Amino acid sequence: MVLFLTVLMYLNLNKTIEASKPLLIKIAAMVSGGLLFLVLLASLKSGLSISAPVNHEAGLIKNLGKTLFSEYLFPFEATAVLFLSTMAGAITLTKKNS
């Protein structure tokens, strides 16, 4: 839900106030998106291995929870605080003055 609110905050659906973006910004966004896609494809290609042993417990929620709350506890909590502060900022910015 917080991620959904973050996306809504960044969309800025009020187009009457903001002028259209210049062509250079649109081109830069497309180029950076394409580069991000290429990096993603390269990382997926290098991560795949045919001779790797199959772990049947790799996708279980229990293992994900153990890993998330043991090895990655600080990044998990930091991300939660970041999303919470982003949500509070979005509410503050969109709140109408009474």
PDB file of N, CA and C in Angstrom:
ATOM      1  N   MET A   1       0.831  -1.193   0.000  1.00  0.00           N
ATOM      2  CA  MET A   1       0.000   0.000   0.000  1.00  0.00           C
ATOM      3  C   MET A   1       0.874   1.254   0.000  1.00  0.00           C
ATOM      4  N   VAL A   2       1.947   1.217   0.773  1.00  0.00           N
ATOM      5  CA  VAL A   2       2.837   2.379   0.834  1.00  0.00           C
ATOM      6  C   VAL A   2       3.511   2.591  -0.517  1.00  0.00           C
ATOM      7  N   LEU A   3       3.903   1.497  -1.175  1.00  0.00           N
ATOM      8  CA  LEU A   3       4.513   1.619  -2.492  1.00  0.00           C
ATOM      9  C   LEU A   3       3.521   2.200  -3.492  1.00  0.00           C
ATOM     10  N   PHE A   4       2.262   1.795  -3.404  1.00  0.00           N
ATOM     11  CA  PHE A   4       1.223   2.339  -4.273  1.00  0.00           C
ATOM     12  C   PHE A   4       1.067   3.841  -4.045  1.00  0.00           C
ATOM     13  N   LEU A   5       1.065   4.282  -2.794  1.00  0.00           N
ATOM     14  CA  LEU A   5       0.963   5.711  -2.508  1.00  0.00           C
ATOM     15  C   LEU A   5       2.188   6.475  -2.997  1.00  0.00           C
ATOM     16  N   THR A   6       3.351   5.845  -2.918  1.00  0.00           N
ATOM     17  CA  THR A   6       4.566   6.479  -3.411  1.00  0.00           C
ATOM     18  C   THR A   6       4.480   6.696  -4.920  1.00  0.00           C
ATOM     19  N   VAL A   7       3.998   5.697  -5.631  1.00  0.00           N
ATOM     20  CA  VAL A   7       3.843   5.835  -7.081  1.00  0.00           C
ATOM     21  C   VAL A   7       2.842   6.926  -7.407  1.00  0.00           C
ATOM     22  N   LEU A   8       1.742   6.977  -6.684  1.00  0.00           N
ATOM     23  CA  LEU A   8       0.747   8.025  -6.923  1.00  0.00           C
ATOM     24  C   LEU A   8       1.327   9.412  -6.653  1.00  0.00           C
ATOM     25  N   MET A   9       2.173   9.520  -5.629  1.00  0.00           N
ATOM     26  CA  MET A   9       2.777  10.803  -5.322  1.00  0.00           C
ATOM     27  C   MET A   9       3.685  11.269  -6.467  1.00  0.00           C
ATOM     28  N   TYR A  10       4.449  10.336  -7.021  1.00  0.00           N
ATOM     29  CA  TYR A  10       5.382  10.720  -8.082  1.00  0.00           C
ATOM     30  C   TYR A  10       4.716  10.919  -9.436  1.00  0.00           C
ATOM     31  N   LEU A  11       3.493  10.415  -9.611  1.00  0.00           N
ATOM     32  CA  LEU A  11       2.816  10.584 -10.892  1.00  0.00           C
ATOM     33  C   LEU A  11       2.419  12.031 -11.156  1.00  0.00           C
ATOM     34  N   ASN A  12       1.991  12.746 -10.133  1.00  0.00           N
ATOM     35  CA  ASN A  12       1.570  14.139 -10.252  1.00  0.00           C
ATOM     36  C   ASN A  12       0.534  14.281 -11.367  1.00  0.00           C
ATOM     37  N   LEU A  13      -0.659  13.812 -11.108  1.00  0.00           N
ATOM     38  CA  LEU A  13      -1.705  13.772 -12.123  1.00  0.00           C
ATOM     39  C   LEU A  13      -2.317  15.137 -12.429  1.00  0.00           C
ATOM     40  N   ASN A  14      -1.939  16.164 -11.713  1.00  0.00           N
ATOM     41  CA  ASN A  14      -2.466  17.497 -11.953  1.00  0.00           C
ATOM     42  C   ASN A  14      -1.667  18.144 -13.082  1.00  0.00           C
ATOM     43  N   LYS A  15      -2.108  17.975 -14.318  1.00  0.00           N
ATOM     44  CA  LYS A  15      -1.361  18.443 -15.482  1.00  0.00           C
ATOM     45  C   LYS A  15      -1.637  19.903 -15.826  1.00  0.00           C
ATOM     46  N   THR A  16      -2.633  20.512 -15.214  1.00  0.00           N
ATOM     47  CA  THR A  16      -2.944  21.895 -15.567  1.00  0.00           C
ATOM     48  C   THR A  16      -1.914  22.861 -14.995  1.00  0.00           C
ATOM     49  N   ILE A  17      -1.306  22.519 -13.882  1.00  0.00           N
ATOM     50  CA  ILE A  17      -0.321  23.414 -13.262  1.00  0.00           C
ATOM     51  C   ILE A  17       1.041  23.270 -13.913  1.00  0.00           C
ATOM     52  N   GLU A  18       1.446  22.049 -14.200  1.00  0.00           N
ATOM     53  CA  GLU A  18       2.779  21.788 -14.723  1.00  0.00           C
ATOM     54  C   GLU A  18       2.772  21.798 -16.243  1.00  0.00           C
ATOM     55  N   ALA A  19       3.735  22.492 -16.820  1.00  0.00           N
ATOM     56  CA  ALA A  19       3.855  22.528 -18.280  1.00  0.00           C
ATOM     57  C   ALA A  19       4.424  21.193 -18.765  1.00  0.00           C
ATOM     58  N   SER A  20       4.306  20.941 -20.060  1.00  0.00           N
ATOM     59  CA  SER A  20       4.823  19.680 -20.591  1.00  0.00           C
ATOM     60  C   SER A  20       6.348  19.665 -20.526  1.00  0.00           C
ATOM     61  N   LYS A  21       6.891  18.482 -20.446  1.00  0.00           N
ATOM     62  CA  LYS A  21       8.328  18.306 -20.316  1.00  0.00           C
ATOM     63  C   LYS A  21       9.005  18.557 -21.661  1.00  0.00           C
ATOM     64  N   PRO A  22      10.198  19.133 -21.643  1.00  0.00           N
ATOM     65  CA  PRO A  22      10.929  19.339 -22.897  1.00  0.00           C
ATOM     66  C   PRO A  22      11.343  18.006 -23.527  1.00  0.00           C
ATOM     67  N   LEU A  23      11.631  18.038 -24.805  1.00  0.00           N
ATOM     68  CA  LEU A  23      11.984  16.839 -25.546  1.00  0.00           C
ATOM     69  C   LEU A  23      13.274  16.219 -25.028  1.00  0.00           C
ATOM     70  N   LEU A  24      14.224  17.049 -24.590  1.00  0.00           N
ATOM     71  CA  LEU A  24      15.504  16.537 -24.099  1.00  0.00           C
ATOM     72  C   LEU A  24      15.317  15.677 -22.850  1.00  0.00           C
ATOM     73  N   ILE A  25      14.415  16.067 -21.969  1.00  0.00           N
ATOM     74  CA  ILE A  25      14.160  15.283 -20.752  1.00  0.00           C
ATOM     75  C   ILE A  25      13.512  13.951 -21.110  1.00  0.00           C
ATOM     76  N   LYS A  26      12.604  13.954 -22.075  1.00  0.00           N
ATOM     77  CA  LYS A  26      11.971  12.711 -22.503  1.00  0.00           C
ATOM     78  C   LYS A  26      12.988  11.747 -23.113  1.00  0.00           C
ATOM     79  N   ILE A  27      13.907  12.272 -23.913  1.00  0.00           N
ATOM     80  CA  ILE A  27      14.937  11.442 -24.528  1.00  0.00           C
ATOM     81  C   ILE A  27      15.870  10.885 -23.463  1.00  0.00           C
ATOM     82  N   ALA A  28      16.255  11.720 -22.499  1.00  0.00           N
ATOM     83  CA  ALA A  28      17.134  11.264 -21.420  1.00  0.00           C
ATOM     84  C   ALA A  28      16.461  10.175 -20.591  1.00  0.00           C
ATOM     85  N   ALA A  29      15.165  10.301 -20.360  1.00  0.00           N
ATOM     86  CA  ALA A  29      14.442   9.284 -19.604  1.00  0.00           C
ATOM     87  C   ALA A  29      14.392   7.966 -20.371  1.00  0.00           C
ATOM     88  N   MET A  30      14.182   8.030 -21.674  1.00  0.00           N
ATOM     89  CA  MET A  30      14.143   6.807 -22.466  1.00  0.00           C
ATOM     90  C   MET A  30      15.513   6.140 -22.529  1.00  0.00           C
ATOM     91  N   VAL A  31      16.563   6.923 -22.659  1.00  0.00           N
ATOM     92  CA  VAL A  31      17.916   6.361 -22.715  1.00  0.00           C
ATOM     93  C   VAL A  31      18.279   5.712 -21.378  1.00  0.00           C
ATOM     94  N   SER A  32      17.995   6.392 -20.279  1.00  0.00           N
ATOM     95  CA  SER A  32      18.325   5.821 -18.974  1.00  0.00           C
ATOM     96  C   SER A  32      17.483   4.581 -18.686  1.00  0.00           C
ATOM     97  N   GLY A  33      16.233   4.564 -19.101  1.00  0.00           N
ATOM     98  CA  GLY A  33      15.406   3.372 -18.949  1.00  0.00           C
ATOM     99  C   GLY A  33      15.932   2.212 -19.777  1.00  0.00           C
ATOM    100  N   GLY A  34      16.378   2.500 -20.974  1.00  0.00           N
ATOM    101  CA  GLY A  34      16.962   1.457 -21.820  1.00  0.00           C
ATOM    102  C   GLY A  34      18.246   0.897 -21.236  1.00  0.00           C
ATOM    103  N   LEU A  35      19.089   1.765 -20.701  1.00  0.00           N
ATOM    104  CA  LEU A  35      20.321   1.306 -20.062  1.00  0.00           C
ATOM    105  C   LEU A  35      20.026   0.462 -18.836  1.00  0.00           C
ATOM    106  N   LEU A  36      19.032   0.853 -18.048  1.00  0.00           N
ATOM    107  CA  LEU A  36      18.641   0.058 -16.894  1.00  0.00           C
ATOM    108  C   LEU A  36      18.149  -1.323 -17.329  1.00  0.00           C
ATOM    109  N   PHE A  37      17.400  -1.374 -18.408  1.00  0.00           N
ATOM    110  CA  PHE A  37      16.916  -2.652 -18.937  1.00  0.00           C
ATOM    111  C   PHE A  37      18.076  -3.531 -19.390  1.00  0.00           C
ATOM    112  N   LEU A  38      19.087  -2.943 -20.053  1.00  0.00           N
ATOM    113  CA  LEU A  38      20.248  -3.713 -20.494  1.00  0.00           C
ATOM    114  C   LEU A  38      21.048  -4.255 -19.317  1.00  0.00           C
ATOM    115  N   VAL A  39      21.201  -3.456 -18.268  1.00  0.00           N
ATOM    116  CA  VAL A  39      21.908  -3.925 -17.079  1.00  0.00           C
ATOM    117  C   VAL A  39      21.140  -5.064 -16.422  1.00  0.00           C
ATOM    118  N   LEU A  40      19.836  -4.959 -16.385  1.00  0.00           N
ATOM    119  CA  LEU A  40      19.008  -6.032 -15.824  1.00  0.00           C
ATOM    120  C   LEU A  40      19.168  -7.313 -16.624  1.00  0.00           C
ATOM    121  N   LEU A  41      19.125  -7.209 -17.938  1.00  0.00           N
ATOM    122  CA  LEU A  41      19.306  -8.392 -18.778  1.00  0.00           C
ATOM    123  C   LEU A  41      20.690  -9.001 -18.601  1.00  0.00           C
ATOM    124  N   ALA A  42      21.725  -8.170 -18.510  1.00  0.00           N
ATOM    125  CA  ALA A  42      23.087  -8.675 -18.329  1.00  0.00           C
ATOM    126  C   ALA A  42      23.236  -9.375 -16.985  1.00  0.00           C
ATOM    127  N   SER A  43      22.618  -8.832 -15.949  1.00  0.00           N
ATOM    128  CA  SER A  43      22.734  -9.467 -14.637  1.00  0.00           C
ATOM    129  C   SER A  43      21.964 -10.781 -14.595  1.00  0.00           C
ATOM    130  N   LEU A  44      20.830 -10.849 -15.276  1.00  0.00           N
ATOM    131  CA  LEU A  44      20.090 -12.106 -15.339  1.00  0.00           C
ATOM    132  C   LEU A  44      20.846 -13.163 -16.142  1.00  0.00           C
ATOM    133  N   LYS A  45      21.488 -12.727 -17.230  1.00  0.00           N
ATOM    134  CA  LYS A  45      22.222 -13.663 -18.069  1.00  0.00           C
ATOM    135  C   LYS A  45      23.423 -14.230 -17.324  1.00  0.00           C
ATOM    136  N   SER A  46      24.129 -13.395 -16.574  1.00  0.00           N
ATOM    137  CA  SER A  46      25.309 -13.871 -15.858  1.00  0.00           C
ATOM    138  C   SER A  46      24.925 -14.692 -14.630  1.00  0.00           C
ATOM    139  N   GLY A  47      23.725 -14.508 -14.120  1.00  0.00           N
ATOM    140  CA  GLY A  47      23.289 -15.241 -12.933  1.00  0.00           C
ATOM    141  C   GLY A  47      22.755 -16.622 -13.230  1.00  0.00           C
ATOM    142  N   LEU A  48      22.400 -16.909 -14.480  1.00  0.00           N
ATOM    143  CA  LEU A  48      21.849 -18.214 -14.833  1.00  0.00           C
ATOM    144  C   LEU A  48      22.970 -19.226 -15.047  1.00  0.00           C
ATOM    145  N   SER A  49      22.790 -20.391 -14.483  1.00  0.00           N
ATOM    146  CA  SER A  49      23.776 -21.453 -14.653  1.00  0.00           C
ATOM    147  C   SER A  49      23.033 -22.767 -14.839  1.00  0.00           C
ATOM    148  N   ILE A  50      23.389 -23.509 -15.854  1.00  0.00           N
ATOM    149  CA  ILE A  50      22.705 -24.760 -16.142  1.00  0.00           C
ATOM    150  C   ILE A  50      23.139 -25.851 -15.165  1.00  0.00           C
ATOM    151  N   SER A  51      24.394 -25.840 -14.748  1.00  0.00           N
ATOM    152  CA  SER A  51      24.910 -26.912 -13.918  1.00  0.00           C
ATOM    153  C   SER A  51      24.706 -26.683 -12.418  1.00  0.00           C
ATOM    154  N   ALA A  52      23.967 -25.673 -12.041  1.00  0.00           N
ATOM    155  CA  ALA A  52      23.751 -25.389 -10.625  1.00  0.00           C
ATOM    156  C   ALA A  52      22.815 -26.429 -10.025  1.00  0.00           C
ATOM    157  N   PRO A  53      23.094 -26.848  -8.789  1.00  0.00           N
ATOM    158  CA  PRO A  53      22.191 -27.814  -8.148  1.00  0.00           C
ATOM    159  C   PRO A  53      20.844 -27.172  -7.833  1.00  0.00           C
ATOM    160  N   VAL A  54      19.798 -27.966  -7.902  1.00  0.00           N
ATOM    161  CA  VAL A  54      18.440 -27.466  -7.686  1.00  0.00           C
ATOM    162  C   VAL A  54      18.126 -27.514  -6.192  1.00  0.00           C
ATOM    163  N   ASN A  55      17.720 -26.385  -5.638  1.00  0.00           N
ATOM    164  CA  ASN A  55      17.308 -26.313  -4.245  1.00  0.00           C
ATOM    165  C   ASN A  55      15.790 -26.183  -4.222  1.00  0.00           C
ATOM    166  N   HIS A  56      15.113 -27.197  -3.730  1.00  0.00           N
ATOM    167  CA  HIS A  56      13.650 -27.197  -3.753  1.00  0.00           C
ATOM    168  C   HIS A  56      13.047 -26.333  -2.653  1.00  0.00           C
ATOM    169  N   GLU A  57      13.852 -25.874  -1.710  1.00  0.00           N
ATOM    170  CA  GLU A  57      13.344 -25.026  -0.633  1.00  0.00           C
ATOM    171  C   GLU A  57      13.691 -23.560  -0.849  1.00  0.00           C
ATOM    172  N   ALA A  58      14.133 -23.197  -2.040  1.00  0.00           N
ATOM    173  CA  ALA A  58      14.596 -21.836  -2.291  1.00  0.00           C
ATOM    174  C   ALA A  58      13.455 -20.827  -2.290  1.00  0.00           C
ATOM    175  N   GLY A  59      12.283 -21.192  -2.721  1.00  0.00           N
ATOM    176  CA  GLY A  59      11.201 -20.227  -2.847  1.00  0.00           C
ATOM    177  C   GLY A  59      10.208 -20.227  -1.713  1.00  0.00           C
ATOM    178  N   LEU A  60      10.497 -20.901  -0.618  1.00  0.00           N
ATOM    179  CA  LEU A  60       9.538 -20.977   0.473  1.00  0.00           C
ATOM    180  C   LEU A  60       9.514 -19.673   1.271  1.00  0.00           C
ATOM    181  N   ILE A  61       8.333 -19.302   1.701  1.00  0.00           N
ATOM    182  CA  ILE A  61       8.166 -18.080   2.482  1.00  0.00           C
ATOM    183  C   ILE A  61       8.902 -18.176   3.813  1.00  0.00           C
ATOM    184  N   LYS A  62       8.961 -19.372   4.388  1.00  0.00           N
ATOM    185  CA  LYS A  62       9.654 -19.572   5.660  1.00  0.00           C
ATOM    186  C   LYS A  62      11.133 -19.210   5.525  1.00  0.00           C
ATOM    187  N   ASN A  63      11.760 -19.661   4.449  1.00  0.00           N
ATOM    188  CA  ASN A  63      13.177 -19.341   4.228  1.00  0.00           C
ATOM    189  C   ASN A  63      13.373 -17.868   3.923  1.00  0.00           C
ATOM    190  N   LEU A  64      12.444 -17.283   3.188  1.00  0.00           N
ATOM    191  CA  LEU A  64      12.527 -15.854   2.909  1.00  0.00           C
ATOM    192  C   LEU A  64      12.440 -15.053   4.201  1.00  0.00           C
ATOM    193  N   GLY A  65      11.524 -15.408   5.078  1.00  0.00           N
ATOM    194  CA  GLY A  65      11.391 -14.716   6.356  1.00  0.00           C
ATOM    195  C   GLY A  65      12.626 -14.859   7.223  1.00  0.00           C
ATOM    196  N   LYS A  66      13.197 -16.061   7.270  1.00  0.00           N
ATOM    197  CA  LYS A  66      14.426 -16.266   8.052  1.00  0.00           C
ATOM    198  C   LYS A  66      15.564 -15.417   7.526  1.00  0.00           C
ATOM    199  N   THR A  67      15.727 -15.385   6.219  1.00  0.00           N
ATOM    200  CA  THR A  67      16.799 -14.593   5.623  1.00  0.00           C
ATOM    201  C   THR A  67      16.557 -13.106   5.812  1.00  0.00           C
ATOM    202  N   LEU A  68      15.314 -12.685   5.614  1.00  0.00           N
ATOM    203  CA  LEU A  68      14.985 -11.265   5.707  1.00  0.00           C
ATOM    204  C   LEU A  68      15.181 -10.720   7.110  1.00  0.00           C
ATOM    205  N   PHE A  69      14.817 -11.512   8.120  1.00  0.00           N
ATOM    206  CA  PHE A  69      14.905 -11.031   9.491  1.00  0.00           C
ATOM    207  C   PHE A  69      16.188 -11.439  10.201  1.00  0.00           C
ATOM    208  N   SER A  70      17.119 -12.080   9.507  1.00  0.00           N
ATOM    209  CA  SER A  70      18.406 -12.385  10.133  1.00  0.00           C
ATOM    210  C   SER A  70      19.535 -11.662   9.407  1.00  0.00           C
ATOM    211  N   GLU A  71      19.751 -11.966   8.134  1.00  0.00           N
ATOM    212  CA  GLU A  71      20.853 -11.353   7.389  1.00  0.00           C
ATOM    213  C   GLU A  71      20.549  -9.923   6.954  1.00  0.00           C
ATOM    214  N   TYR A  72      19.319  -9.649   6.601  1.00  0.00           N
ATOM    215  CA  TYR A  72      18.959  -8.355   6.020  1.00  0.00           C
ATOM    216  C   TYR A  72      18.005  -7.571   6.917  1.00  0.00           C
ATOM    217  N   LEU A  73      18.184  -7.655   8.227  1.00  0.00           N
ATOM    218  CA  LEU A  73      17.272  -6.977   9.142  1.00  0.00           C
ATOM    219  C   LEU A  73      17.387  -5.459   9.033  1.00  0.00           C
ATOM    220  N   PHE A  74      18.617  -4.931   9.035  1.00  0.00           N
ATOM    221  CA  PHE A  74      18.768  -3.473   8.972  1.00  0.00           C
ATOM    222  C   PHE A  74      18.265  -2.885   7.651  1.00  0.00           C
ATOM    223  N   PRO A  75      18.636  -3.431   6.482  1.00  0.00           N
ATOM    224  CA  PRO A  75      18.071  -2.867   5.245  1.00  0.00           C
ATOM    225  C   PRO A  75      16.544  -2.975   5.176  1.00  0.00           C
ATOM    226  N   PHE A  76      15.983  -4.052   5.721  1.00  0.00           N
ATOM    227  CA  PHE A  76      14.532  -4.221   5.735  1.00  0.00           C
ATOM    228  C   PHE A  76      13.877  -3.136   6.572  1.00  0.00           C
ATOM    229  N   GLU A  77      14.405  -2.891   7.764  1.00  0.00           N
ATOM    230  CA  GLU A  77      13.840  -1.858   8.640  1.00  0.00           C
ATOM    231  C   GLU A  77      14.074  -0.457   8.076  1.00  0.00           C
ATOM    232  N   ALA A  78      15.236  -0.231   7.478  1.00  0.00           N
ATOM    233  CA  ALA A  78      15.522   1.085   6.882  1.00  0.00           C
ATOM    234  C   ALA A  78      14.568   1.369   5.724  1.00  0.00           C
ATOM    235  N   THR A  79      14.263   0.349   4.924  1.00  0.00           N
ATOM    236  CA  THR A  79      13.320   0.520   3.823  1.00  0.00           C
ATOM    237  C   THR A  79      11.918   0.807   4.352  1.00  0.00           C
ATOM    238  N   ALA A  80      11.543   0.143   5.428  1.00  0.00           N
ATOM    239  CA  ALA A  80      10.224   0.386   6.020  1.00  0.00           C
ATOM    240  C   ALA A  80      10.111   1.823   6.524  1.00  0.00           C
ATOM    241  N   VAL A  81      11.161   2.314   7.164  1.00  0.00           N
ATOM    242  CA  VAL A  81      11.146   3.702   7.654  1.00  0.00           C
ATOM    243  C   VAL A  81      11.139   4.676   6.485  1.00  0.00           C
ATOM    244  N   LEU A  82      11.878   4.363   5.430  1.00  0.00           N
ATOM    245  CA  LEU A  82      11.894   5.224   4.244  1.00  0.00           C
ATOM    246  C   LEU A  82      10.512   5.304   3.603  1.00  0.00           C
ATOM    247  N   PHE A  83       9.832   4.154   3.459  1.00  0.00           N
ATOM    248  CA  PHE A  83       8.481   4.167   2.904  1.00  0.00           C
ATOM    249  C   PHE A  83       7.500   4.913   3.802  1.00  0.00           C
ATOM    250  N   LEU A  84       7.645   4.762   5.103  1.00  0.00           N
ATOM    251  CA  LEU A  84       6.762   5.464   6.031  1.00  0.00           C
ATOM    252  C   LEU A  84       6.958   6.970   5.948  1.00  0.00           C
ATOM    253  N   SER A  85       8.209   7.411   5.876  1.00  0.00           N
ATOM    254  CA  SER A  85       8.453   8.850   5.765  1.00  0.00           C
ATOM    255  C   SER A  85       8.008   9.382   4.406  1.00  0.00           C
ATOM    256  N   THR A  86       8.129   8.567   3.362  1.00  0.00           N
ATOM    257  CA  THR A  86       7.644   8.975   2.038  1.00  0.00           C
ATOM    258  C   THR A  86       6.133   9.131   2.048  1.00  0.00           C
ATOM    259  N   MET A  87       5.443   8.223   2.717  1.00  0.00           N
ATOM    260  CA  MET A  87       3.995   8.313   2.797  1.00  0.00           C
ATOM    261  C   MET A  87       3.580   9.559   3.579  1.00  0.00           C
ATOM    262  N   ALA A  88       4.277   9.832   4.675  1.00  0.00           N
ATOM    263  CA  ALA A  88       3.959  11.032   5.454  1.00  0.00           C
ATOM    264  C   ALA A  88       4.234  12.293   4.639  1.00  0.00           C
ATOM    265  N   GLY A  89       5.321  12.288   3.881  1.00  0.00           N
ATOM    266  CA  GLY A  89       5.615  13.433   3.007  1.00  0.00           C
ATOM    267  C   GLY A  89       4.576  13.615   1.919  1.00  0.00           C
ATOM    268  N   ALA A  90       4.110  12.508   1.334  1.00  0.00           N
ATOM    269  CA  ALA A  90       3.087  12.595   0.290  1.00  0.00           C
ATOM    270  C   ALA A  90       1.790  13.147   0.848  1.00  0.00           C
ATOM    271  N   ILE A  91       1.433  12.714   2.050  1.00  0.00           N
ATOM    272  CA  ILE A  91       0.212  13.228   2.667  1.00  0.00           C
ATOM    273  C   ILE A  91       0.360  14.703   2.986  1.00  0.00           C
ATOM    274  N   THR A  92       1.525  15.095   3.487  1.00  0.00           N
ATOM    275  CA  THR A  92       1.760  16.501   3.825  1.00  0.00           C
ATOM    276  C   THR A  92       1.716  17.383   2.582  1.00  0.00           C
ATOM    277  N   LEU A  93       2.322  16.918   1.491  1.00  0.00           N
ATOM    278  CA  LEU A  93       2.365  17.717   0.271  1.00  0.00           C
ATOM    279  C   LEU A  93       1.010  17.830  -0.404  1.00  0.00           C
ATOM    280  N   THR A  94       0.196  16.809  -0.303  1.00  0.00           N
ATOM    281  CA  THR A  94      -1.101  16.834  -0.978  1.00  0.00           C
ATOM    282  C   THR A  94      -2.227  17.348  -0.108  1.00  0.00           C
ATOM    283  N   LYS A  95      -1.949  17.616   1.141  1.00  0.00           N
ATOM    284  CA  LYS A  95      -2.990  18.088   2.057  1.00  0.00           C
ATOM    285  C   LYS A  95      -3.408  19.520   1.671  1.00  0.00           C
ATOM    286  N   LYS A  96      -4.696  19.737   1.610  1.00  0.00           N
ATOM    287  CA  LYS A  96      -5.203  21.070   1.296  1.00  0.00           C
ATOM    288  C   LYS A  96      -5.162  21.941   2.545  1.00  0.00           C
ATOM    289  N   ASN A  97      -4.824  23.212   2.351  1.00  0.00           N
ATOM    290  CA  ASN A  97      -4.815  24.130   3.498  1.00  0.00           C
ATOM    291  C   ASN A  97      -6.245  24.473   3.899  1.00  0.00           C
ATOM    292  N   SER A  98      -6.534  24.313   5.194  1.00  0.00           N
ATOM    293  CA  SER A  98      -7.881  24.566   5.673  1.00  0.00           C
ATOM    294  C   SER A  98      -8.016  25.979   6.198  1.00  0.00           C
TER     295      SER A  98
END
